[in-house]
Amino acid sequence: MKISIITLFPEMFKEVLETSILGRAQKKGLVEYELINLRDFGEGAHHTVDDKSFGGGVGMVLKADVLARAVKSVRSVKSVESVMTVLTSASGAKFDQEIAKKLSKLDHIVIVCGHYEGVDERFVEKYVDEEVSIGDYVLTGGEIPAMVIVDSVTRLIKGVLEKDEATQKESFENGLLEHPHYTRPQSFEGLEVPSTLLSGNHKEIEEWRMEKSVEKTKKVRPELLKK
């Protein structure tokens, strides 16, 4: 898989993409990360990428023509089904595990990091396949959401994690939050590991985990149970 990231701040990504699982995935040749500086496609001596919004308003808007040039420079020549352009935006659909799984099956993802007040809507209409937000809050830019997308998608690529089943038994895979985990020491500051987990009875352990998963989901994310 290739993941191209169009951003005004490519320097923010360097250590993230070279560290831990993301770095190992790239070294294994399972994913290729490409950083594109949007400023390289700007206009004039100052490489301008934004302008005032028609109709007035506070803040600047990323220009459609600048963004289009950046996307055209990197977009894959593969079939439409295997490549997708994603815009990080506070007004996008909420990013979740289902979207991550869909993206992980592509050959090429182009992530455009939103900034300022937003982007010219004409660029969205012409070039963006998916507009996503990582939550109901506003950030200073789309770089952190882009990192979230890259991380969540990369770990789903076959071979990235040492055990592929690691992605099958975790939060959101069955519509529930993941059950609690325990490790050594068996006793910690007066708290003991639940006896069921020490029983060796795999059926009882799985039943306990499911029960605790439902309990945690009901307490923390009750809206997931309604689905």
Protein backbone atom coordinates (compact mmCIF):
# COMPACT_ATOMS: atom_id res chain seq x y z
CA MET A 1 0.00 0.00 0.00
CA LYS A 2 1.03 3.59 -0.65
CA ILE A 3 -0.13 6.43 1.60
CA SER A 4 0.47 9.95 0.30
CA ILE A 5 -0.02 12.84 2.73
CA ILE A 6 -0.51 16.38 1.45
CA THR A 7 0.27 18.84 4.23
CA LEU A 8 1.61 22.29 5.03
CA PHE A 9 3.75 20.74 7.79
CA PRO A 10 5.47 17.58 6.51
CA GLU A 11 8.07 17.87 9.29
CA MET A 12 5.38 16.87 11.82
CA PHE A 13 5.18 13.36 10.36
CA LYS A 14 8.80 12.27 10.10
CA GLU A 15 9.30 10.70 13.53
CA VAL A 16 5.75 9.32 13.67
CA LEU A 17 6.14 7.43 10.39
CA GLU A 18 9.58 6.10 11.28
CA THR A 19 8.71 4.89 14.79
CA SER A 20 7.27 1.65 16.20
CA ILE A 21 4.79 -0.35 14.08
CA LEU A 22 4.55 2.30 11.35
CA GLY A 23 8.31 2.34 10.89
CA ARG A 24 8.56 -1.45 10.89
CA ALA A 25 5.74 -1.74 8.34
CA GLN A 26 7.67 0.53 5.98
CA LYS A 27 10.92 -1.38 6.49
CA LYS A 28 9.10 -4.64 5.69
CA GLY A 29 7.94 -3.11 2.41
CA LEU A 30 4.27 -3.48 3.34
CA VAL A 31 3.53 0.23 3.10
CA GLU A 32 5.13 3.27 1.51
CA TYR A 33 4.62 6.72 3.05
CA GLU A 34 4.96 9.81 0.89
CA LEU A 35 4.95 13.37 2.24
CA ILE A 36 3.96 16.19 -0.12
CA ASN A 37 4.42 19.81 0.94
CA LEU A 38 1.35 21.75 -0.21
CA ARG A 39 3.43 24.93 -0.21
CA ASP A 40 5.36 23.56 -3.22
CA PHE A 41 2.20 24.06 -5.28
CA GLY A 42 1.46 27.56 -4.00
CA GLU A 43 1.39 30.72 -6.09
CA GLY A 44 3.79 33.64 -6.36
CA ALA A 45 6.98 34.43 -4.50
CA HIS A 46 5.43 33.47 -1.19
CA HIS A 47 3.91 30.21 -2.49
CA THR A 48 0.44 31.30 -1.37
CA VAL A 49 -1.99 28.42 -0.72
CA ASP A 50 -4.97 30.24 0.81
CA ASP A 51 -7.25 33.23 0.27
CA LYS A 52 -10.16 35.08 1.86
CA SER A 53 -13.60 33.51 1.71
CA PHE A 54 -16.15 34.91 -0.74
CA GLY A 55 -19.04 36.40 1.23
CA GLY A 56 -16.79 37.46 4.08
CA GLY A 57 -15.94 35.71 7.29
CA VAL A 58 -13.05 35.19 9.67
CA GLY A 59 -10.09 33.08 8.60
CA MET A 60 -8.54 31.90 5.36
CA VAL A 61 -9.54 29.07 3.03
CA LEU A 62 -7.23 26.66 1.19
CA LYS A 63 -7.46 27.29 -2.56
CA ALA A 64 -9.04 24.69 -4.83
CA ASP A 65 -6.51 25.10 -7.66
CA VAL A 66 -3.52 24.70 -5.34
CA LEU A 67 -4.99 21.58 -3.76
CA ALA A 68 -5.87 20.15 -7.17
CA ARG A 69 -2.31 20.54 -8.43
CA ALA A 70 -1.00 18.75 -5.35
CA VAL A 71 -3.42 15.84 -5.72
CA LYS A 72 -2.78 15.49 -9.45
CA SER A 73 0.94 15.22 -8.76
CA VAL A 74 0.55 12.13 -6.56
CA ARG A 75 -2.71 10.39 -7.35
CA SER A 76 -2.23 6.80 -8.48
CA VAL A 77 -2.96 5.70 -12.03
CA LYS A 78 -4.59 2.53 -10.71
CA SER A 79 -8.30 1.83 -11.02
CA VAL A 80 -10.81 4.01 -9.19
CA GLU A 81 -11.61 1.13 -6.83
CA SER A 82 -8.04 0.87 -5.55
CA VAL A 83 -7.27 4.52 -4.78
CA MET A 84 -9.08 7.05 -2.62
CA THR A 85 -8.54 10.68 -1.65
CA VAL A 86 -9.43 11.52 1.96
CA LEU A 87 -9.78 15.01 3.40
CA THR A 88 -9.39 15.55 7.13
CA SER A 89 -12.09 18.01 8.15
CA ALA A 90 -14.03 18.91 11.29
CA SER A 91 -17.21 18.73 9.19
CA GLY A 92 -16.53 15.25 7.82
CA ALA A 93 -18.05 11.90 8.77
CA LYS A 94 -16.72 10.50 12.04
CA PHE A 95 -13.75 8.21 11.39
CA ASP A 96 -14.23 4.72 12.83
CA GLN A 97 -12.96 1.15 12.56
CA GLU A 98 -15.21 0.35 9.61
CA ILE A 99 -13.73 3.22 7.58
CA ALA A 100 -10.23 2.13 8.63
CA LYS A 101 -10.90 -1.41 7.39
CA LYS A 102 -12.25 -0.11 4.08
CA LEU A 103 -9.18 2.05 3.54
CA SER A 104 -6.79 -0.77 4.47
CA LYS A 105 -7.97 -2.76 1.44
CA LEU A 106 -6.91 -0.07 -1.06
CA ASP A 107 -3.67 0.16 -3.00
CA HIS A 108 -3.23 3.90 -2.54
CA ILE A 109 -4.65 6.48 -0.13
CA VAL A 110 -4.11 10.21 -0.63
CA ILE A 111 -4.74 12.12 2.61
CA VAL A 112 -5.23 15.88 2.33
CA CYS A 113 -4.73 17.69 5.63
CA GLY A 114 -7.30 20.44 6.04
CA HIS A 115 -6.24 23.75 7.57
CA TYR A 116 -7.35 27.30 8.40
CA GLU A 117 -11.13 27.76 8.04
CA GLY A 118 -11.36 24.84 5.63
CA VAL A 119 -10.95 24.20 1.91
CA ASP A 120 -12.72 25.50 -1.18
CA GLU A 121 -15.83 23.33 -1.56
CA ARG A 122 -15.21 22.93 -5.28
CA PHE A 123 -12.06 20.93 -4.49
CA VAL A 124 -14.12 18.67 -2.24
CA GLU A 125 -16.70 18.11 -4.97
CA LYS A 126 -14.14 17.34 -7.68
CA TYR A 127 -11.35 15.49 -5.91
CA VAL A 128 -12.36 14.16 -2.47
CA ASP A 129 -13.79 10.66 -2.09
CA GLU A 130 -14.18 10.69 1.70
CA GLU A 131 -14.28 13.62 4.15
CA VAL A 132 -13.55 12.47 7.71
CA SER A 133 -13.27 13.85 11.22
CA ILE A 134 -11.72 12.08 14.22
CA GLY A 135 -14.16 13.60 16.70
CA ASP A 136 -16.59 16.34 17.57
CA TYR A 137 -14.01 19.01 18.31
CA VAL A 138 -11.85 21.43 16.32
CA LEU A 139 -8.07 21.14 15.94
CA THR A 140 -5.58 23.67 14.57
CA GLY A 141 -5.03 21.53 11.49
CA GLY A 142 -5.61 18.16 9.86
CA GLU A 143 -2.16 16.74 10.54
CA ILE A 144 -3.00 14.93 13.79
CA PRO A 145 -6.16 13.38 12.27
CA ALA A 146 -4.03 12.26 9.32
CA MET A 147 -1.64 10.52 11.73
CA VAL A 148 -4.60 8.78 13.37
CA ILE A 149 -5.82 7.53 9.99
CA VAL A 150 -2.36 6.32 8.94
CA ASP A 151 -1.84 4.47 12.23
CA SER A 152 -5.26 2.80 12.30
CA VAL A 153 -5.06 1.76 8.63
CA THR A 154 -1.44 0.57 8.61
CA ARG A 155 -1.91 -1.85 11.51
CA LEU A 156 -4.74 -3.54 9.59
CA ILE A 157 -2.55 -4.37 6.59
CA LYS A 158 -1.82 -8.10 6.53
CA GLY A 159 1.63 -8.85 7.88
CA VAL A 160 2.15 -5.56 9.70
CA LEU A 161 1.36 -7.02 13.14
CA GLU A 162 3.19 -10.19 14.12
CA LYS A 163 -0.13 -11.91 14.85
CA ASP A 164 -2.90 -11.08 12.39
CA GLU A 165 -5.53 -12.21 14.88
CA ALA A 166 -4.50 -9.27 17.09
CA THR A 167 -6.77 -7.06 14.99
CA GLN A 168 -9.70 -9.44 15.30
CA LYS A 169 -10.08 -9.42 19.08
CA GLU A 170 -10.08 -5.77 20.05
CA SER A 171 -12.44 -2.87 20.60
CA PHE A 172 -15.08 -2.24 17.92
CA GLU A 173 -14.44 -5.47 15.99
CA ASN A 174 -17.63 -7.04 17.38
CA GLY A 175 -19.45 -3.79 18.09
CA LEU A 176 -18.22 -3.72 21.70
CA LEU A 177 -15.32 -2.25 23.63
CA GLU A 178 -12.56 -4.68 24.47
CA HIS A 179 -12.59 -6.52 27.82
CA PRO A 180 -10.16 -5.59 30.65
CA HIS A 181 -6.64 -7.05 30.64
CA TYR A 182 -4.43 -8.23 33.51
CA THR A 183 -0.82 -9.37 33.81
CA ARG A 184 1.79 -10.02 36.51
CA PRO A 185 2.02 -9.39 39.41
CA GLN A 186 -1.06 -11.36 40.43
CA SER A 187 -1.60 -9.02 43.37
CA PHE A 188 -1.15 -5.24 42.90
CA GLU A 189 -1.77 -2.74 45.71
CA GLY A 190 -4.55 -4.86 47.19
CA LEU A 191 -6.17 -5.68 43.83
CA GLU A 192 -6.19 -9.27 42.58
CA VAL A 193 -6.40 -10.73 39.09
CA PRO A 194 -9.95 -12.13 38.61
CA SER A 195 -9.93 -15.82 39.55
CA THR A 196 -11.62 -16.84 36.29
CA LEU A 197 -8.56 -15.77 34.32
CA LEU A 198 -6.40 -18.09 36.45
CA SER A 199 -8.69 -21.11 36.11
CA GLY A 200 -7.33 -22.42 32.81
CA ASN A 201 -10.92 -23.02 31.65
CA HIS A 202 -10.95 -21.38 28.21
CA LYS A 203 -14.73 -21.50 27.82
CA GLU A 204 -15.28 -19.74 31.15
CA ILE A 205 -12.58 -17.20 30.31
CA GLU A 206 -14.21 -16.33 26.97
CA GLU A 207 -17.61 -16.01 28.66
CA TRP A 208 -16.09 -13.76 31.34
CA ARG A 209 -14.42 -11.59 28.72
CA MET A 210 -17.66 -11.19 26.77
CA GLU A 211 -19.57 -10.29 29.94
CA LYS A 212 -16.98 -7.67 30.93
CA SER A 213 -16.89 -6.35 27.38
CA VAL A 214 -20.64 -5.75 27.46
CA GLU A 215 -20.40 -4.17 30.94
CA LYS A 216 -17.67 -1.76 29.84
CA THR A 217 -19.49 -0.82 26.65
CA LYS A 218 -22.71 -0.18 28.59
CA LYS A 219 -20.85 2.06 31.02
CA VAL A 220 -18.54 3.94 28.67
CA ARG A 221 -20.14 3.84 25.20
CA PRO A 222 -23.81 2.83 25.63
CA GLU A 223 -24.65 4.09 22.13
CA LEU A 224 -22.67 1.19 20.66
CA LEU A 225 -25.09 -1.32 22.20
CA LYS A 226 -27.99 0.32 20.37
CA LYS A 227 -26.32 -0.60 17.08
